[in-house]
Structure formats: structure tokens, C-alpha cells
Amino acid sequence: MEGLRRGLSRWKRYHIKVHLADEALLLPLTVRPRDTLSDLRAQLVGQGVSSWKRTFYYNARRLDDHQTVRDVRLQDGSVLLLVSDPRWRAGRAGWGPGVVRVGGGGAMTEGTKDAG
């Protein structure tokens, strides 16, 4: 019976919603338990919504892209919140795509050599 239950979970679908706080939109998505949050992002792009520089939250917890629907414990009717990631706000000069930080955050200078 347990094997049958596991086999049926592959066909299971959840109807969830994604709340886009910045646009005040609520978008419906159909997901499977094995889908990752990256898969959800791909579905949003398919609907014309960019999730770039945004973070998913569920029950006041920040979610990572590698987590699955099952890991997060989403259920039928769950609502995910998608908000702008505070790490990408304009107030943090020098931080964002294309900027590479190397080392422990100290100043980087070009052409310096180790005195040792």
C-alpha cells in the first residue's frame, strides 16, 4: 500500500497562488510536490512575470530556490509571497549583478603584492 501511495504522489497536483506584493497581484500556479522553487520561477516567467531580484516567503520564512514544494510543505490553496529582495535595494552601493566581491570584504586594490 505504501508503494501505491508513493506512486500516486507523482500525479498529485497542488493549486497554489503567488502574491506579488510589488504589483498587488495574486497569480494561480499548479505545482507538483517534486517541483523546486526554481520551477515555480520558470512558470512565472511563462506568465510574463519576472522573479529576478525577488525572494519567496511562506509562513514568514525565506525560501531558497533549491527547495521543493514538499520540503516547504505547501498544500493545496497555499499562498507564497514574492517580494523584492532587500539585498538588491539601491541603498547598497556596489552590490548587485556583475559586481564580484573577493575575500573578507576588505578594500581591493589593483597591483598590490604580498610583502612577505
PDB file of N, CA and C in Angstrom:
ATOM      1  N   MET A   1       0.819  -1.195   0.000  1.00  0.00           N
ATOM      2  CA  MET A   1       0.000   0.000   0.000  1.00  0.00           C
ATOM      3  C   MET A   1       0.864   1.260   0.000  1.00  0.00           C
ATOM      4  N   GLU A   2       1.977   1.209   0.730  1.00  0.00           N
ATOM      5  CA  GLU A   2       2.884   2.374   0.791  1.00  0.00           C
ATOM      6  C   GLU A   2       3.461   2.688  -0.585  1.00  0.00           C
ATOM      7  N   GLY A   3       3.816   1.657  -1.344  1.00  0.00           N
ATOM      8  CA  GLY A   3       4.342   1.868  -2.696  1.00  0.00           C
ATOM      9  C   GLY A   3       3.312   2.502  -3.607  1.00  0.00           C
ATOM     10  N   LEU A   4       2.053   2.105  -3.442  1.00  0.00           N
ATOM     11  CA  LEU A   4       0.982   2.695  -4.232  1.00  0.00           C
ATOM     12  C   LEU A   4       0.825   4.180  -3.895  1.00  0.00           C
ATOM     13  N   ARG A   5       0.916   4.503  -2.598  1.00  0.00           N
ATOM     14  CA  ARG A   5       0.798   5.889  -2.179  1.00  0.00           C
ATOM     15  C   ARG A   5       1.925   6.742  -2.769  1.00  0.00           C
ATOM     16  N   ARG A   6       3.156   6.188  -2.740  1.00  0.00           N
ATOM     17  CA  ARG A   6       4.292   6.914  -3.318  1.00  0.00           C
ATOM     18  C   ARG A   6       4.133   7.085  -4.819  1.00  0.00           C
ATOM     19  N   GLY A   7       3.626   6.065  -5.488  1.00  0.00           N
ATOM     20  CA  GLY A   7       3.421   6.136  -6.934  1.00  0.00           C
ATOM     21  C   GLY A   7       2.376   7.169  -7.323  1.00  0.00           C
ATOM     22  N   LEU A   8       1.344   7.297  -6.497  1.00  0.00           N
ATOM     23  CA  LEU A   8       0.289   8.265  -6.787  1.00  0.00           C
ATOM     24  C   LEU A   8       0.740   9.696  -6.539  1.00  0.00           C
ATOM     25  N   SER A   9       1.737   9.891  -5.670  1.00  0.00           N
ATOM     26  CA  SER A   9       2.179  11.256  -5.377  1.00  0.00           C
ATOM     27  C   SER A   9       2.800  11.910  -6.612  1.00  0.00           C
ATOM     28  N   ARG A  10       3.244  11.093  -7.542  1.00  0.00           N
ATOM     29  CA  ARG A  10       3.817  11.644  -8.763  1.00  0.00           C
ATOM     30  C   ARG A  10       2.749  12.346  -9.599  1.00  0.00           C
ATOM     31  N   TRP A  11       1.503  11.943  -9.443  1.00  0.00           N
ATOM     32  CA  TRP A  11       0.401  12.544 -10.194  1.00  0.00           C
ATOM     33  C   TRP A  11      -0.295  13.663  -9.425  1.00  0.00           C
ATOM     34  N   LYS A  12       0.081  13.815  -8.165  1.00  0.00           N
ATOM     35  CA  LYS A  12      -0.560  14.818  -7.319  1.00  0.00           C
ATOM     36  C   LYS A  12      -0.229  16.221  -7.812  1.00  0.00           C
ATOM     37  N   ARG A  13      -1.209  17.093  -7.754  1.00  0.00           N
ATOM     38  CA  ARG A  13      -1.032  18.491  -8.146  1.00  0.00           C
ATOM     39  C   ARG A  13      -1.622  19.376  -7.063  1.00  0.00           C
ATOM     40  N   TYR A  14      -0.950  20.487  -6.813  1.00  0.00           N
ATOM     41  CA  TYR A  14      -1.460  21.473  -5.872  1.00  0.00           C
ATOM     42  C   TYR A  14      -1.760  22.751  -6.638  1.00  0.00           C
ATOM     43  N   HIS A  15      -2.861  23.365  -6.307  1.00  0.00           N
ATOM     44  CA  HIS A  15      -3.219  24.664  -6.877  1.00  0.00           C
ATOM     45  C   HIS A  15      -2.885  25.711  -5.825  1.00  0.00           C
ATOM     46  N   ILE A  16      -1.819  26.460  -6.079  1.00  0.00           N
ATOM     47  CA  ILE A  16      -1.365  27.471  -5.129  1.00  0.00           C
ATOM     48  C   ILE A  16      -1.482  28.845  -5.786  1.00  0.00           C
ATOM     49  N   LYS A  17      -1.195  29.862  -5.009  1.00  0.00           N
ATOM     50  CA  LYS A  17      -1.179  31.227  -5.537  1.00  0.00           C
ATOM     51  C   LYS A  17       0.120  31.897  -5.116  1.00  0.00           C
ATOM     52  N   VAL A  18       0.597  32.788  -5.975  1.00  0.00           N
ATOM     53  CA  VAL A  18       1.782  33.586  -5.678  1.00  0.00           C
ATOM     54  C   VAL A  18       1.335  35.040  -5.592  1.00  0.00           C
ATOM     55  N   HIS A  19       1.559  35.639  -4.429  1.00  0.00           N
ATOM     56  CA  HIS A  19       1.193  37.040  -4.223  1.00  0.00           C
ATOM     57  C   HIS A  19       2.403  37.904  -4.559  1.00  0.00           C
ATOM     58  N   LEU A  20       2.278  38.719  -5.586  1.00  0.00           N
ATOM     59  CA  LEU A  20       3.334  39.656  -5.966  1.00  0.00           C
ATOM     60  C   LEU A  20       3.056  40.961  -5.232  1.00  0.00           C
ATOM     61  N   ALA A  21       3.763  41.181  -4.153  1.00  0.00           N
ATOM     62  CA  ALA A  21       3.487  42.327  -3.290  1.00  0.00           C
ATOM     63  C   ALA A  21       3.713  43.653  -4.004  1.00  0.00           C
ATOM     64  N   ASP A  22       4.740  43.737  -4.839  1.00  0.00           N
ATOM     65  CA  ASP A  22       5.066  44.998  -5.507  1.00  0.00           C
ATOM     66  C   ASP A  22       3.985  45.420  -6.508  1.00  0.00           C
ATOM     67  N   GLU A  23       3.348  44.455  -7.172  1.00  0.00           N
ATOM     68  CA  GLU A  23       2.326  44.769  -8.162  1.00  0.00           C
ATOM     69  C   GLU A  23       0.906  44.561  -7.645  1.00  0.00           C
ATOM     70  N   ALA A  24       0.757  44.085  -6.420  1.00  0.00           N
ATOM     71  CA  ALA A  24      -0.554  43.790  -5.829  1.00  0.00           C
ATOM     72  C   ALA A  24      -1.332  42.803  -6.705  1.00  0.00           C
ATOM     73  N   LEU A  25      -0.651  41.728  -7.141  1.00  0.00           N
ATOM     74  CA  LEU A  25      -1.267  40.685  -7.969  1.00  0.00           C
ATOM     75  C   LEU A  25      -1.259  39.364  -7.216  1.00  0.00           C
ATOM     76  N   LEU A  26      -2.213  38.519  -7.536  1.00  0.00           N
ATOM     77  CA  LEU A  26      -2.283  37.176  -6.988  1.00  0.00           C
ATOM     78  C   LEU A  26      -2.410  36.219  -8.170  1.00  0.00           C
ATOM     79  N   LEU A  27      -1.330  35.487  -8.460  1.00  0.00           N
ATOM     80  CA  LEU A  27      -1.298  34.612  -9.643  1.00  0.00           C
ATOM     81  C   LEU A  27      -1.466  33.147  -9.248  1.00  0.00           C
ATOM     82  N   PRO A  28      -2.347  32.418  -9.944  1.00  0.00           N
ATOM     83  CA  PRO A  28      -2.506  30.990  -9.664  1.00  0.00           C
ATOM     84  C   PRO A  28      -1.430  30.162 -10.375  1.00  0.00           C
ATOM     85  N   LEU A  29      -0.943  29.126  -9.696  1.00  0.00           N
ATOM     86  CA  LEU A  29       0.012  28.182 -10.285  1.00  0.00           C
ATOM     87  C   LEU A  29      -0.418  26.771  -9.916  1.00  0.00           C
ATOM     88  N   THR A  30      -0.126  25.818 -10.785  1.00  0.00           N
ATOM     89  CA  THR A  30      -0.331  24.408 -10.487  1.00  0.00           C
ATOM     90  C   THR A  30       1.050  23.774 -10.381  1.00  0.00           C
ATOM     91  N   VAL A  31       1.324  23.137  -9.240  1.00  0.00           N
ATOM     92  CA  VAL A  31       2.658  22.590  -8.979  1.00  0.00           C
ATOM     93  C   VAL A  31       2.552  21.140  -8.526  1.00  0.00           C
ATOM     94  N   ARG A  32       3.682  20.434  -8.627  1.00  0.00           N
ATOM     95  CA  ARG A  32       3.802  19.062  -8.141  1.00  0.00           C
ATOM     96  C   ARG A  32       4.700  19.056  -6.910  1.00  0.00           C
ATOM     97  N   PRO A  33       4.591  18.060  -6.059  1.00  0.00           N
ATOM     98  CA  PRO A  33       5.425  18.009  -4.850  1.00  0.00           C
ATOM     99  C   PRO A  33       6.927  18.039  -5.134  1.00  0.00           C
ATOM    100  N   ARG A  34       7.357  17.502  -6.276  1.00  0.00           N
ATOM    101  CA  ARG A  34       8.794  17.470  -6.589  1.00  0.00           C
ATOM    102  C   ARG A  34       9.310  18.743  -7.259  1.00  0.00           C
ATOM    103  N   ASP A  35       8.425  19.672  -7.602  1.00  0.00           N
ATOM    104  CA  ASP A  35       8.854  20.925  -8.224  1.00  0.00           C
ATOM    105  C   ASP A  35       9.673  21.753  -7.239  1.00  0.00           C
ATOM    106  N   THR A  36      10.739  22.372  -7.745  1.00  0.00           N
ATOM    107  CA  THR A  36      11.529  23.277  -6.914  1.00  0.00           C
ATOM    108  C   THR A  36      11.002  24.700  -7.083  1.00  0.00           C
ATOM    109  N   LEU A  37      11.466  25.586  -6.239  1.00  0.00           N
ATOM    110  CA  LEU A  37      11.063  26.982  -6.374  1.00  0.00           C
ATOM    111  C   LEU A  37      11.611  27.581  -7.666  1.00  0.00           C
ATOM    112  N   SER A  38      12.711  27.043  -8.163  1.00  0.00           N
ATOM    113  CA  SER A  38      13.208  27.463  -9.479  1.00  0.00           C
ATOM    114  C   SER A  38      12.195  27.107 -10.569  1.00  0.00           C
ATOM    115  N   ASP A  39      11.542  25.951 -10.433  1.00  0.00           N
ATOM    116  CA  ASP A  39      10.495  25.566 -11.379  1.00  0.00           C
ATOM    117  C   ASP A  39       9.320  26.545 -11.305  1.00  0.00           C
ATOM    118  N   LEU A  40       8.980  26.982 -10.106  1.00  0.00           N
ATOM    119  CA  LEU A  40       7.909  27.968  -9.947  1.00  0.00           C
ATOM    120  C   LEU A  40       8.285  29.278 -10.611  1.00  0.00           C
ATOM    121  N   ARG A  41       9.558  29.672 -10.464  1.00  0.00           N
ATOM    122  CA  ARG A  41      10.033  30.892 -11.131  1.00  0.00           C
ATOM    123  C   ARG A  41       9.866  30.767 -12.652  1.00  0.00           C
ATOM    124  N   ALA A  42      10.180  29.588 -13.193  1.00  0.00           N
ATOM    125  CA  ALA A  42      10.044  29.362 -14.637  1.00  0.00           C
ATOM    126  C   ALA A  42       8.577  29.481 -15.067  1.00  0.00           C
ATOM    127  N   GLN A  43       7.654  28.981 -14.237  1.00  0.00           N
ATOM    128  CA  GLN A  43       6.237  29.119 -14.555  1.00  0.00           C
ATOM    129  C   GLN A  43       5.821  30.588 -14.558  1.00  0.00           C
ATOM    130  N   LEU A  44       6.354  31.359 -13.613  1.00  0.00           N
ATOM    131  CA  LEU A  44       6.033  32.787 -13.557  1.00  0.00           C
ATOM    132  C   LEU A  44       6.539  33.509 -14.802  1.00  0.00           C
ATOM    133  N   VAL A  45       7.745  33.157 -15.241  1.00  0.00           N
ATOM    134  CA  VAL A  45       8.291  33.763 -16.457  1.00  0.00           C
ATOM    135  C   VAL A  45       7.400  33.413 -17.647  1.00  0.00           C
ATOM    136  N   GLY A  46       6.889  32.190 -17.667  1.00  0.00           N
ATOM    137  CA  GLY A  46       5.968  31.778 -18.719  1.00  0.00           C
ATOM    138  C   GLY A  46       4.682  32.607 -18.736  1.00  0.00           C
ATOM    139  N   GLN A  47       4.324  33.153 -17.588  1.00  0.00           N
ATOM    140  CA  GLN A  47       3.143  34.012 -17.493  1.00  0.00           C
ATOM    141  C   GLN A  47       3.502  35.492 -17.671  1.00  0.00           C
ATOM    142  N   GLY A  48       4.778  35.759 -17.969  1.00  0.00           N
ATOM    143  CA  GLY A  48       5.199  37.137 -18.218  1.00  0.00           C
ATOM    144  C   GLY A  48       5.596  37.908 -16.978  1.00  0.00           C
ATOM    145  N   VAL A  49       5.881  37.207 -15.885  1.00  0.00           N
ATOM    146  CA  VAL A  49       6.256  37.867 -14.633  1.00  0.00           C
ATOM    147  C   VAL A  49       7.710  37.542 -14.321  1.00  0.00           C
ATOM    148  N   SER A  50       8.518  38.560 -14.138  1.00  0.00           N
ATOM    149  CA  SER A  50       9.922  38.349 -13.789  1.00  0.00           C
ATOM    150  C   SER A  50      10.053  38.187 -12.282  1.00  0.00           C
ATOM    151  N   SER A  51      10.803  37.176 -11.872  1.00  0.00           N
ATOM    152  CA  SER A  51      11.047  36.986 -10.442  1.00  0.00           C
ATOM    153  C   SER A  51      12.489  37.336 -10.088  1.00  0.00           C
ATOM    154  N   TRP A  52      13.183  37.987 -11.021  1.00  0.00           N
ATOM    155  CA  TRP A  52      14.565  38.408 -10.819  1.00  0.00           C
ATOM    156  C   TRP A  52      14.633  39.402  -9.666  1.00  0.00           C
ATOM    157  N   LYS A  53      15.584  39.235  -8.788  1.00  0.00           N
ATOM    158  CA  LYS A  53      15.788  40.103  -7.620  1.00  0.00           C
ATOM    159  C   LYS A  53      14.621  40.045  -6.633  1.00  0.00           C
ATOM    160  N   ARG A  54      13.928  38.919  -6.597  1.00  0.00           N
ATOM    161  CA  ARG A  54      12.818  38.740  -5.665  1.00  0.00           C
ATOM    162  C   ARG A  54      12.989  37.444  -4.902  1.00  0.00           C
ATOM    163  N   THR A  55      12.404  37.394  -3.727  1.00  0.00           N
ATOM    164  CA  THR A  55      12.529  36.235  -2.848  1.00  0.00           C
ATOM    165  C   THR A  55      11.147  35.706  -2.479  1.00  0.00           C
ATOM    166  N   PHE A  56      11.037  34.373  -2.437  1.00  0.00           N
ATOM    167  CA  PHE A  56       9.806  33.727  -1.999  1.00  0.00           C
ATOM    168  C   PHE A  56       9.785  33.624  -0.478  1.00  0.00           C
ATOM    169  N   TYR A  57       8.605  33.843   0.103  1.00  0.00           N
ATOM    170  CA  TYR A  57       8.375  33.647   1.534  1.00  0.00           C
ATOM    171  C   TYR A  57       7.121  32.814   1.706  1.00  0.00           C
ATOM    172  N   TYR A  58       7.149  31.935   2.719  1.00  0.00           N
ATOM    173  CA  TYR A  58       5.966  31.156   3.072  1.00  0.00           C
ATOM    174  C   TYR A  58       5.941  31.019   4.584  1.00  0.00           C
ATOM    175  N   ASN A  59       4.830  31.393   5.191  1.00  0.00           N
ATOM    176  CA  ASN A  59       4.699  31.385   6.652  1.00  0.00           C
ATOM    177  C   ASN A  59       5.850  32.128   7.327  1.00  0.00           C
ATOM    178  N   ALA A  60       6.168  33.296   6.818  1.00  0.00           N
ATOM    179  CA  ALA A  60       7.199  34.195   7.356  1.00  0.00           C
ATOM    180  C   ALA A  60       8.605  33.597   7.282  1.00  0.00           C
ATOM    181  N   ARG A  61       8.809  32.586   6.436  1.00  0.00           N
ATOM    182  CA  ARG A  61      10.144  32.001   6.246  1.00  0.00           C
ATOM    183  C   ARG A  61      10.628  32.289   4.840  1.00  0.00           C
ATOM    184  N   ARG A  62      11.891  32.709   4.750  1.00  0.00           N
ATOM    185  CA  ARG A  62      12.524  32.929   3.447  1.00  0.00           C
ATOM    186  C   ARG A  62      12.837  31.568   2.840  1.00  0.00           C
ATOM    187  N   LEU A  63      12.534  31.397   1.561  1.00  0.00           N
ATOM    188  CA  LEU A  63      12.725  30.111   0.891  1.00  0.00           C
ATOM    189  C   LEU A  63      13.862  30.197  -0.113  1.00  0.00           C
ATOM    190  N   ASP A  64      14.560  29.088  -0.284  1.00  0.00           N
ATOM    191  CA  ASP A  64      15.658  29.008  -1.245  1.00  0.00           C
ATOM    192  C   ASP A  64      15.180  28.310  -2.516  1.00  0.00           C
ATOM    193  N   ASP A  65      15.804  28.633  -3.634  1.00  0.00           N
ATOM    194  CA  ASP A  65      15.389  28.108  -4.933  1.00  0.00           C
ATOM    195  C   ASP A  65      15.528  26.590  -5.058  1.00  0.00           C
ATOM    196  N   HIS A  66      16.425  25.985  -4.306  1.00  0.00           N
ATOM    197  CA  HIS A  66      16.624  24.537  -4.431  1.00  0.00           C
ATOM    198  C   HIS A  66      15.576  23.725  -3.655  1.00  0.00           C
ATOM    199  N   GLN A  67      14.792  24.366  -2.796  1.00  0.00           N
ATOM    200  CA  GLN A  67      13.790  23.654  -2.009  1.00  0.00           C
ATOM    201  C   GLN A  67      12.618  23.229  -2.890  1.00  0.00           C
ATOM    202  N   THR A  68      12.048  22.078  -2.562  1.00  0.00           N
ATOM    203  CA  THR A  68      10.902  21.581  -3.317  1.00  0.00           C
ATOM    204  C   THR A  68       9.604  21.988  -2.622  1.00  0.00           C
ATOM    205  N   VAL A  69       8.504  21.810  -3.346  1.00  0.00           N
ATOM    206  CA  VAL A  69       7.185  22.077  -2.782  1.00  0.00           C
ATOM    207  C   VAL A  69       6.968  21.205  -1.551  1.00  0.00           C
ATOM    208  N   ARG A  70       7.427  19.967  -1.621  1.00  0.00           N
ATOM    209  CA  ARG A  70       7.303  19.050  -0.482  1.00  0.00           C
ATOM    210  C   ARG A  70       8.142  19.526   0.698  1.00  0.00           C
ATOM    211  N   ASP A  71       9.392  19.980   0.439  1.00  0.00           N
ATOM    212  CA  ASP A  71      10.268  20.470   1.515  1.00  0.00           C
ATOM    213  C   ASP A  71       9.632  21.633   2.277  1.00  0.00           C
ATOM    214  N   VAL A  72       9.002  22.515   1.530  1.00  0.00           N
ATOM    215  CA  VAL A  72       8.409  23.726   2.102  1.00  0.00           C
ATOM    216  C   VAL A  72       7.064  23.420   2.762  1.00  0.00           C
ATOM    217  N   ARG A  73       6.498  22.244   2.447  1.00  0.00           N
ATOM    218  CA  ARG A  73       5.213  21.786   2.968  1.00  0.00           C
ATOM    219  C   ARG A  73       4.042  22.626   2.472  1.00  0.00           C
ATOM    220  N   LEU A  74       4.102  22.959   1.176  1.00  0.00           N
ATOM    221  CA  LEU A  74       2.973  23.656   0.567  1.00  0.00           C
ATOM    222  C   LEU A  74       1.822  22.668   0.414  1.00  0.00           C
ATOM    223  N   GLN A  75       0.616  23.177   0.510  1.00  0.00           N
ATOM    224  CA  GLN A  75      -0.579  22.368   0.340  1.00  0.00           C
ATOM    225  C   GLN A  75      -1.474  23.035  -0.683  1.00  0.00           C
ATOM    226  N   ASP A  76      -2.513  22.325  -1.062  1.00  0.00           N
ATOM    227  CA  ASP A  76      -3.481  22.888  -1.988  1.00  0.00           C
ATOM    228  C   ASP A  76      -4.064  24.160  -1.373  1.00  0.00           C
ATOM    229  N   GLY A  77      -4.018  25.275  -2.114  1.00  0.00           N
ATOM    230  CA  GLY A  77      -4.548  26.538  -1.625  1.00  0.00           C
ATOM    231  C   GLY A  77      -3.533  27.430  -0.926  1.00  0.00           C
ATOM    232  N   SER A  78      -2.287  26.972  -0.789  1.00  0.00           N
ATOM    233  CA  SER A  78      -1.253  27.787  -0.135  1.00  0.00           C
ATOM    234  C   SER A  78      -0.961  29.046  -0.948  1.00  0.00           C
ATOM    235  N   VAL A  79      -0.500  30.084  -0.259  1.00  0.00           N
ATOM    236  CA  VAL A  79      -0.141  31.341  -0.918  1.00  0.00           C
ATOM    237  C   VAL A  79       1.307  31.664  -0.579  1.00  0.00           C
ATOM    238  N   LEU A  80       2.127  31.807  -1.628  1.00  0.00           N
ATOM    239  CA  LEU A  80       3.524  32.228  -1.466  1.00  0.00           C
ATOM    240  C   LEU A  80       3.596  33.732  -1.677  1.00  0.00           C
ATOM    241  N   LEU A  81       4.465  34.368  -0.937  1.00  0.00           N
ATOM    242  CA  LEU A  81       4.691  35.803  -1.103  1.00  0.00           C
ATOM    243  C   LEU A  81       5.993  35.986  -1.872  1.00  0.00           C
ATOM    244  N   LEU A  82       5.975  36.807  -2.911  1.00  0.00           N
ATOM    245  CA  LEU A  82       7.167  37.100  -3.701  1.00  0.00           C
ATOM    246  C   LEU A  82       7.432  38.596  -3.594  1.00  0.00           C
ATOM    247  N   VAL A  83       8.527  38.943  -2.896  1.00  0.00           N
ATOM    248  CA  VAL A  83       8.836  40.355  -2.649  1.00  0.00           C
ATOM    249  C   VAL A  83      10.242  40.677  -3.131  1.00  0.00           C
ATOM    250  N   SER A  84      10.489  41.953  -3.331  1.00  0.00           N
ATOM    251  CA  SER A  84      11.825  42.403  -3.723  1.00  0.00           C
ATOM    252  C   SER A  84      12.831  42.004  -2.658  1.00  0.00           C
ATOM    253  N   ASP A  85      13.953  41.474  -3.091  1.00  0.00           N
ATOM    254  CA  ASP A  85      14.995  41.030  -2.177  1.00  0.00           C
ATOM    255  C   ASP A  85      15.710  42.246  -1.614  1.00  0.00           C
ATOM    256  N   PRO A  86      15.785  42.393  -0.286  1.00  0.00           N
ATOM    257  CA  PRO A  86      16.430  43.576   0.302  1.00  0.00           C
ATOM    258  C   PRO A  86      17.910  43.675  -0.046  1.00  0.00           C
ATOM    259  N   ARG A  87      18.541  42.573  -0.443  1.00  0.00           N
ATOM    260  CA  ARG A  87      19.961  42.623  -0.817  1.00  0.00           C
ATOM    261  C   ARG A  87      20.171  43.386  -2.111  1.00  0.00           C
ATOM    262  N   TRP A  88      19.105  43.610  -2.891  1.00  0.00           N
ATOM    263  CA  TRP A  88      19.222  44.266  -4.188  1.00  0.00           C
ATOM    264  C   TRP A  88      18.749  45.709  -4.160  1.00  0.00           C
ATOM    265  N   ARG A  89      18.419  46.211  -3.001  1.00  0.00           N
ATOM    266  CA  ARG A  89      17.920  47.588  -2.913  1.00  0.00           C
ATOM    267  C   ARG A  89      18.999  48.574  -3.330  1.00  0.00           C
ATOM    268  N   ALA A  90      18.597  49.722  -3.823  1.00  0.00           N
ATOM    269  CA  ALA A  90      19.526  50.736  -4.332  1.00  0.00           C
ATOM    270  C   ALA A  90      20.413  51.311  -3.238  1.00  0.00           C
ATOM    271  N   GLY A  91      20.023  51.186  -1.991  1.00  0.00           N
ATOM    272  CA  GLY A  91      20.800  51.756  -0.897  1.00  0.00           C
ATOM    273  C   GLY A  91      22.154  51.104  -0.697  1.00  0.00           C
ATOM    274  N   ARG A  92      22.369  49.950  -1.278  1.00  0.00           N
ATOM    275  CA  ARG A  92      23.645  49.251  -1.104  1.00  0.00           C
ATOM    276  C   ARG A  92      24.498  49.463  -2.337  1.00  0.00           C
ATOM    277  N   ALA A  93      25.231  50.497  -2.340  1.00  0.00           N
ATOM    278  CA  ALA A  93      26.083  50.823  -3.490  1.00  0.00           C
ATOM    279  C   ALA A  93      27.131  49.736  -3.694  1.00  0.00           C
ATOM    280  N   GLY A  94      27.373  49.428  -4.951  1.00  0.00           N
ATOM    281  CA  GLY A  94      28.407  48.442  -5.267  1.00  0.00           C
ATOM    282  C   GLY A  94      27.958  47.010  -5.098  1.00  0.00           C
ATOM    283  N   TRP A  95      26.663  46.769  -4.939  1.00  0.00           N
ATOM    284  CA  TRP A  95      26.189  45.406  -4.763  1.00  0.00           C
ATOM    285  C   TRP A  95      25.134  45.131  -5.818  1.00  0.00           C
ATOM    286  N   GLY A  96      25.224  44.010  -6.470  1.00  0.00           N
ATOM    287  CA  GLY A  96      24.240  43.662  -7.481  1.00  0.00           C
ATOM    288  C   GLY A  96      24.877  42.794  -8.541  1.00  0.00           C
ATOM    289  N   PRO A  97      24.168  42.543  -9.619  1.00  0.00           N
ATOM    290  CA  PRO A  97      24.705  41.670 -10.660  1.00  0.00           C
ATOM    291  C   PRO A  97      25.925  42.284 -11.321  1.00  0.00           C
ATOM    292  N   GLY A  98      26.896  41.458 -11.589  1.00  0.00           N
ATOM    293  CA  GLY A  98      28.100  41.925 -12.257  1.00  0.00           C
ATOM    294  C   GLY A  98      29.174  42.424 -11.301  1.00  0.00           C
ATOM    295  N   VAL A  99      28.846  42.586 -10.018  1.00  0.00           N
ATOM    296  CA  VAL A  99      29.829  43.039  -9.040  1.00  0.00           C
ATOM    297  C   VAL A  99      30.336  41.818  -8.295  1.00  0.00           C
ATOM    298  N   VAL A 100      31.610  41.620  -8.293  1.00  0.00           N
ATOM    299  CA  VAL A 100      32.203  40.464  -7.646  1.00  0.00           C
ATOM    300  C   VAL A 100      32.990  40.931  -6.435  1.00  0.00           C
ATOM    301  N   ARG A 101      32.682  40.361  -5.295  1.00  0.00           N
ATOM    302  CA  ARG A 101      33.425  40.672  -4.072  1.00  0.00           C
ATOM    303  C   ARG A 101      34.356  39.500  -3.792  1.00  0.00           C
ATOM    304  N   VAL A 102      35.600  39.789  -3.538  1.00  0.00           N
ATOM    305  CA  VAL A 102      36.579  38.753  -3.278  1.00  0.00           C
ATOM    306  C   VAL A 102      37.151  38.973  -1.895  1.00  0.00           C
ATOM    307  N   GLY A 103      37.321  37.878  -1.157  1.00  0.00           N
ATOM    308  CA  GLY A 103      37.944  37.993   0.154  1.00  0.00           C
ATOM    309  C   GLY A 103      36.951  38.341   1.235  1.00  0.00           C
ATOM    310  N   GLY A 104      37.473  38.826   2.351  1.00  0.00           N
ATOM    311  CA  GLY A 104      36.669  39.084   3.531  1.00  0.00           C
ATOM    312  C   GLY A 104      36.016  40.440   3.550  1.00  0.00           C
ATOM    313  N   GLY A 105      35.838  41.086   2.440  1.00  0.00           N
ATOM    314  CA  GLY A 105      35.134  42.349   2.400  1.00  0.00           C
ATOM    315  C   GLY A 105      36.055  43.549   2.549  1.00  0.00           C
ATOM    316  N   GLY A 106      37.357  43.323   2.635  1.00  0.00           N
ATOM    317  CA  GLY A 106      38.288  44.444   2.734  1.00  0.00           C
ATOM    318  C   GLY A 106      38.427  45.153   1.403  1.00  0.00           C
ATOM    319  N   ALA A 107      39.103  46.259   1.415  1.00  0.00           N
ATOM    320  CA  ALA A 107      39.280  47.033   0.187  1.00  0.00           C
ATOM    321  C   ALA A 107      40.144  46.256  -0.792  1.00  0.00           C
ATOM    322  N   MET A 108      39.796  46.323  -2.048  1.00  0.00           N
ATOM    323  CA  MET A 108      40.575  45.650  -3.080  1.00  0.00           C
ATOM    324  C   MET A 108      41.354  46.709  -3.844  1.00  0.00           C
ATOM    325  N   THR A 109      42.614  46.487  -4.000  1.00  0.00           N
ATOM    326  CA  THR A 109      43.423  47.403  -4.791  1.00  0.00           C
ATOM    327  C   THR A 109      44.090  46.628  -5.894  1.00  0.00           C
ATOM    328  N   GLU A 110      44.338  47.282  -6.985  1.00  0.00           N
ATOM    329  CA  GLU A 110      44.914  46.610  -8.127  1.00  0.00           C
ATOM    330  C   GLU A 110      46.440  46.710  -8.067  1.00  0.00           C
ATOM    331  N   GLY A 111      47.114  45.635  -8.356  1.00  0.00           N
ATOM    332  CA  GLY A 111      48.568  45.635  -8.467  1.00  0.00           C
ATOM    333  C   GLY A 111      49.324  45.561  -7.157  1.00  0.00           C
ATOM    334  N   THR A 112      48.678  45.224  -6.057  1.00  0.00           N
ATOM    335  CA  THR A 112      49.403  45.107  -4.798  1.00  0.00           C
ATOM    336  C   THR A 112      50.001  43.722  -4.688  1.00  0.00           C
ATOM    337  N   LYS A 113      51.162  43.635  -4.058  1.00  0.00           N
ATOM    338  CA  LYS A 113      51.832  42.356  -3.862  1.00  0.00           C
ATOM    339  C   LYS A 113      52.005  42.116  -2.375  1.00  0.00           C
ATOM    340  N   ASP A 114      52.118  40.841  -2.016  1.00  0.00           N
ATOM    341  CA  ASP A 114      52.344  40.473  -0.643  1.00  0.00           C
ATOM    342  C   ASP A 114      53.770  40.837  -0.256  1.00  0.00           C
ATOM    343  N   ALA A 115      53.954  41.507   0.871  1.00  0.00           N
ATOM    344  CA  ALA A 115      55.276  41.959   1.293  1.00  0.00           C
ATOM    345  C   ALA A 115      56.127  40.802   1.793  1.00  0.00           C
ATOM    346  N   GLY A 116      55.529  39.640   2.054  1.00  0.00           N
ATOM    347  CA  GLY A 116      56.238  38.516   2.658  1.00  0.00           C
ATOM    348  C   GLY A 116      57.144  37.873   1.744  1.00  0.00           C
TER     349      GLY A 116
END
